[in-house]
Amino acid sequence: MSDAKPSQQDDSGKTAPHGMKNAAFAQRARFALAGLAAAWRNESSFRIQTVCSVLLLIALLALRPPLLWCALCLIMAALVMAAELLNTAIEHFIDHLHPDLHPAVKTAKDCAAAAVLVLSICALAVGVMTMLISLGVVH
């Protein structure tokens, strides 16, 4: 038997760079953490959303809303941050492939940013409803 590692090929038969495809969970977690760190370093929107998420946690601890509303708030915060990470990935990938401004590039970037905006508005609405319920303004 050969001691050679099996090739890491994608569905098209191309060999993936070493360590990327089929890596161990710990290595994939390091890749994900590197992505979070890159977003933190390079994206002011991601830093703002992270700060808002921390403030959300503080507000949830202070207001102590029903558990379901806490879960909704946390899910919305995670969705906004995930959308921002996807938006960042899309923007960097498109800029790498097509550095010139092209109408299709602009549309793709605008749609990715719009996805973040839609989720952010929904997250704000859930946050306001949670606050109103926690303060007893509505039932």
C-alpha atoms as a PDB file:
ATOM      1  CA  MET A   1       0.000   0.000   0.000  1.00  0.00           C
ATOM      2  CA  SER A   2       1.120   3.498  -0.726  1.00  0.00           C
ATOM      3  CA  ASP A   3       1.624   6.035   2.055  1.00  0.00           C
ATOM      4  CA  ALA A   4       0.586   8.853  -0.275  1.00  0.00           C
ATOM      5  CA  LYS A   5      -2.373  10.939   0.776  1.00  0.00           C
ATOM      6  CA  PRO A   6      -5.457  10.634  -1.395  1.00  0.00           C
ATOM      7  CA  SER A   7      -5.729  13.497  -3.823  1.00  0.00           C
ATOM      8  CA  GLN A   8      -8.080  16.257  -2.822  1.00  0.00           C
ATOM      9  CA  GLN A   9     -10.184  16.718  -5.912  1.00  0.00           C
ATOM     10  CA  ASP A  10     -13.348  18.704  -6.266  1.00  0.00           C
ATOM     11  CA  ASP A  11     -16.356  17.600  -8.320  1.00  0.00           C
ATOM     12  CA  SER A  12     -14.723  18.810 -11.534  1.00  0.00           C
ATOM     13  CA  GLY A  13     -11.681  16.578 -10.954  1.00  0.00           C
ATOM     14  CA  LYS A  14      -9.334  19.485 -10.215  1.00  0.00           C
ATOM     15  CA  THR A  15      -7.008  19.128  -7.267  1.00  0.00           C
ATOM     16  CA  ALA A  16      -7.746  21.601  -4.481  1.00  0.00           C
ATOM     17  CA  PRO A  17      -4.896  23.439  -2.719  1.00  0.00           C
ATOM     18  CA  HIS A  18      -3.488  21.330   0.086  1.00  0.00           C
ATOM     19  CA  GLY A  19      -5.390  21.646   3.351  1.00  0.00           C
ATOM     20  CA  MET A  20      -8.493  23.297   1.978  1.00  0.00           C
ATOM     21  CA  LYS A  21     -10.866  20.537   0.891  1.00  0.00           C
ATOM     22  CA  ASN A  22     -11.664  17.700   3.290  1.00  0.00           C
ATOM     23  CA  ALA A  23      -9.518  19.228   6.026  1.00  0.00           C
ATOM     24  CA  ALA A  24     -10.028  18.176   9.621  1.00  0.00           C
ATOM     25  CA  PHE A  25     -12.668  20.026  11.614  1.00  0.00           C
ATOM     26  CA  ALA A  26     -10.048  21.917  13.646  1.00  0.00           C
ATOM     27  CA  GLN A  27      -8.399  23.192  10.457  1.00  0.00           C
ATOM     28  CA  ARG A  28     -11.748  24.233   8.971  1.00  0.00           C
ATOM     29  CA  ALA A  29     -12.527  26.049  12.228  1.00  0.00           C
ATOM     30  CA  ARG A  30      -9.200  27.911  11.894  1.00  0.00           C
ATOM     31  CA  PHE A  31     -10.182  28.924   8.342  1.00  0.00           C
ATOM     32  CA  ALA A  32     -13.503  30.244   9.652  1.00  0.00           C
ATOM     33  CA  LEU A  33     -11.800  32.162  12.473  1.00  0.00           C
ATOM     34  CA  ALA A  34      -9.376  33.634   9.943  1.00  0.00           C
ATOM     35  CA  GLY A  35     -12.397  34.828   7.950  1.00  0.00           C
ATOM     36  CA  LEU A  36     -13.901  36.452  11.039  1.00  0.00           C
ATOM     37  CA  ALA A  37     -10.575  38.137  11.817  1.00  0.00           C
ATOM     38  CA  ALA A  38     -10.237  39.399   8.229  1.00  0.00           C
ATOM     39  CA  ALA A  39     -13.771  40.789   8.296  1.00  0.00           C
ATOM     40  CA  TRP A  40     -13.065  42.490  11.635  1.00  0.00           C
ATOM     41  CA  ARG A  41      -9.838  44.049  10.296  1.00  0.00           C
ATOM     42  CA  ASN A  42     -11.156  45.143   6.912  1.00  0.00           C
ATOM     43  CA  GLU A  43     -14.885  45.809   7.204  1.00  0.00           C
ATOM     44  CA  SER A  44     -16.211  48.673   9.306  1.00  0.00           C
ATOM     45  CA  SER A  45     -19.760  47.374   8.783  1.00  0.00           C
ATOM     46  CA  PHE A  46     -18.812  44.060  10.379  1.00  0.00           C
ATOM     47  CA  ARG A  47     -17.248  45.853  13.356  1.00  0.00           C
ATOM     48  CA  ILE A  48     -20.386  47.975  13.791  1.00  0.00           C
ATOM     49  CA  GLN A  49     -22.621  44.895  13.610  1.00  0.00           C
ATOM     50  CA  THR A  50     -20.414  43.086  16.133  1.00  0.00           C
ATOM     51  CA  VAL A  51     -20.680  46.014  18.553  1.00  0.00           C
ATOM     52  CA  CYS A  52     -24.460  46.084  18.024  1.00  0.00           C
ATOM     53  CA  SER A  53     -24.579  42.352  18.798  1.00  0.00           C
ATOM     54  CA  VAL A  54     -22.676  42.889  22.050  1.00  0.00           C
ATOM     55  CA  LEU A  55     -25.052  45.725  22.966  1.00  0.00           C
ATOM     56  CA  LEU A  56     -27.946  43.415  22.135  1.00  0.00           C
ATOM     57  CA  LEU A  57     -26.618  40.801  24.569  1.00  0.00           C
ATOM     58  CA  ILE A  58     -26.326  43.443  27.289  1.00  0.00           C
ATOM     59  CA  ALA A  59     -29.884  44.663  26.590  1.00  0.00           C
ATOM     60  CA  LEU A  60     -31.240  41.098  26.675  1.00  0.00           C
ATOM     61  CA  LEU A  61     -29.541  40.475  30.018  1.00  0.00           C
ATOM     62  CA  ALA A  62     -30.907  43.733  31.415  1.00  0.00           C
ATOM     63  CA  LEU A  63     -34.463  43.450  30.056  1.00  0.00           C
ATOM     64  CA  ARG A  64     -34.816  39.663  30.511  1.00  0.00           C
ATOM     65  CA  PRO A  65     -37.459  39.171  27.794  1.00  0.00           C
ATOM     66  CA  PRO A  66     -39.171  35.802  27.309  1.00  0.00           C
ATOM     67  CA  LEU A  67     -36.800  33.125  26.026  1.00  0.00           C
ATOM     68  CA  LEU A  68     -38.466  32.969  22.612  1.00  0.00           C
ATOM     69  CA  TRP A  69     -37.819  36.676  22.047  1.00  0.00           C
ATOM     70  CA  CYS A  70     -34.198  36.256  23.171  1.00  0.00           C
ATOM     71  CA  ALA A  71     -33.800  33.458  20.658  1.00  0.00           C
ATOM     72  CA  LEU A  72     -35.344  35.552  17.869  1.00  0.00           C
ATOM     73  CA  CYS A  73     -33.016  38.454  18.641  1.00  0.00           C
ATOM     74  CA  LEU A  74     -29.934  36.237  18.689  1.00  0.00           C
ATOM     75  CA  ILE A  75     -30.942  34.494  15.461  1.00  0.00           C
ATOM     76  CA  MET A  76     -31.508  37.839  13.744  1.00  0.00           C
ATOM     77  CA  ALA A  77     -28.142  39.167  14.947  1.00  0.00           C
ATOM     78  CA  ALA A  78     -26.407  36.033  13.672  1.00  0.00           C
ATOM     79  CA  LEU A  79     -28.198  36.276  10.321  1.00  0.00           C
ATOM     80  CA  VAL A  80     -27.148  39.903   9.874  1.00  0.00           C
ATOM     81  CA  MET A  81     -23.521  39.083  10.660  1.00  0.00           C
ATOM     82  CA  ALA A  82     -23.573  36.009   8.386  1.00  0.00           C
ATOM     83  CA  ALA A  83     -25.054  38.094   5.564  1.00  0.00           C
ATOM     84  CA  GLU A  84     -22.328  40.698   6.058  1.00  0.00           C
ATOM     85  CA  LEU A  85     -19.669  37.983   5.868  1.00  0.00           C
ATOM     86  CA  LEU A  86     -21.223  36.659   2.641  1.00  0.00           C
ATOM     87  CA  ASN A  87     -21.450  40.194   1.271  1.00  0.00           C
ATOM     88  CA  THR A  88     -17.772  40.722   2.054  1.00  0.00           C
ATOM     89  CA  ALA A  89     -16.814  37.417   0.416  1.00  0.00           C
ATOM     90  CA  ILE A  90     -18.841  38.244  -2.697  1.00  0.00           C
ATOM     91  CA  GLU A  91     -17.331  41.733  -2.967  1.00  0.00           C
ATOM     92  CA  HIS A  92     -13.747  40.487  -2.584  1.00  0.00           C
ATOM     93  CA  PHE A  93     -14.264  37.643  -5.030  1.00  0.00           C
ATOM     94  CA  ILE A  94     -15.894  39.865  -7.652  1.00  0.00           C
ATOM     95  CA  ASP A  95     -13.220  42.552  -7.244  1.00  0.00           C
ATOM     96  CA  HIS A  96     -10.541  39.905  -7.723  1.00  0.00           C
ATOM     97  CA  LEU A  97     -12.142  38.462 -10.858  1.00  0.00           C
ATOM     98  CA  HIS A  98     -13.304  41.728 -12.401  1.00  0.00           C
ATOM     99  CA  PRO A  99     -11.525  44.800 -10.962  1.00  0.00           C
ATOM    100  CA  ASP A 100     -13.146  47.141 -13.506  1.00  0.00           C
ATOM    101  CA  LEU A 101     -16.566  48.540 -12.754  1.00  0.00           C
ATOM    102  CA  HIS A 102     -19.062  46.667 -14.893  1.00  0.00           C
ATOM    103  CA  PRO A 103     -22.867  46.951 -14.658  1.00  0.00           C
ATOM    104  CA  ALA A 104     -23.171  43.268 -13.716  1.00  0.00           C
ATOM    105  CA  VAL A 105     -20.523  43.699 -10.989  1.00  0.00           C
ATOM    106  CA  LYS A 106     -22.392  46.706  -9.606  1.00  0.00           C
ATOM    107  CA  THR A 107     -25.691  44.792  -9.623  1.00  0.00           C
ATOM    108  CA  ALA A 108     -24.158  41.792  -7.818  1.00  0.00           C
ATOM    109  CA  LYS A 109     -22.587  44.012  -5.157  1.00  0.00           C
ATOM    110  CA  ASP A 110     -25.753  46.068  -4.722  1.00  0.00           C
ATOM    111  CA  CYS A 111     -27.888  42.942  -4.312  1.00  0.00           C
ATOM    112  CA  ALA A 112     -25.510  41.479  -1.724  1.00  0.00           C
ATOM    113  CA  ALA A 113     -25.577  44.760   0.203  1.00  0.00           C
ATOM    114  CA  ALA A 114     -29.370  44.861  -0.083  1.00  0.00           C
ATOM    115  CA  ALA A 115     -29.579  41.411   1.535  1.00  0.00           C
ATOM    116  CA  VAL A 116     -27.688  42.776   4.543  1.00  0.00           C
ATOM    117  CA  LEU A 117     -29.980  45.810   4.644  1.00  0.00           C
ATOM    118  CA  VAL A 118     -33.168  43.718   4.541  1.00  0.00           C
ATOM    119  CA  LEU A 119     -31.950  41.490   7.375  1.00  0.00           C
ATOM    120  CA  SER A 120     -30.804  44.519   9.371  1.00  0.00           C
ATOM    121  CA  ILE A 121     -34.228  46.156   9.108  1.00  0.00           C
ATOM    122  CA  CYS A 122     -35.922  42.915  10.175  1.00  0.00           C
ATOM    123  CA  ALA A 123     -33.467  42.537  13.071  1.00  0.00           C
ATOM    124  CA  LEU A 124     -34.228  46.073  14.202  1.00  0.00           C
ATOM    125  CA  ALA A 125     -37.976  45.361  14.065  1.00  0.00           C
ATOM    126  CA  VAL A 126     -37.554  42.197  16.155  1.00  0.00           C
ATOM    127  CA  GLY A 127     -35.398  44.145  18.616  1.00  0.00           C
ATOM    128  CA  VAL A 128     -37.986  46.898  18.988  1.00  0.00           C
ATOM    129  CA  MET A 129     -40.784  44.368  19.492  1.00  0.00           C
ATOM    130  CA  THR A 130     -38.694  42.541  22.092  1.00  0.00           C
ATOM    131  CA  MET A 131     -38.039  45.782  23.949  1.00  0.00           C
ATOM    132  CA  LEU A 132     -41.719  46.771  23.910  1.00  0.00           C
ATOM    133  CA  ILE A 133     -42.740  43.354  25.233  1.00  0.00           C
ATOM    134  CA  SER A 134     -40.027  43.391  27.905  1.00  0.00           C
ATOM    135  CA  LEU A 135     -41.078  46.839  29.106  1.00  0.00           C
ATOM    136  CA  GLY A 136     -44.730  45.816  29.211  1.00  0.00           C
ATOM    137  CA  VAL A 137     -45.813  48.332  26.577  1.00  0.00           C
ATOM    138  CA  VAL A 138     -47.394  45.547  24.516  1.00  0.00           C
ATOM    139  CA  HIS A 139     -48.327  41.981  25.370  1.00  0.00           C
END
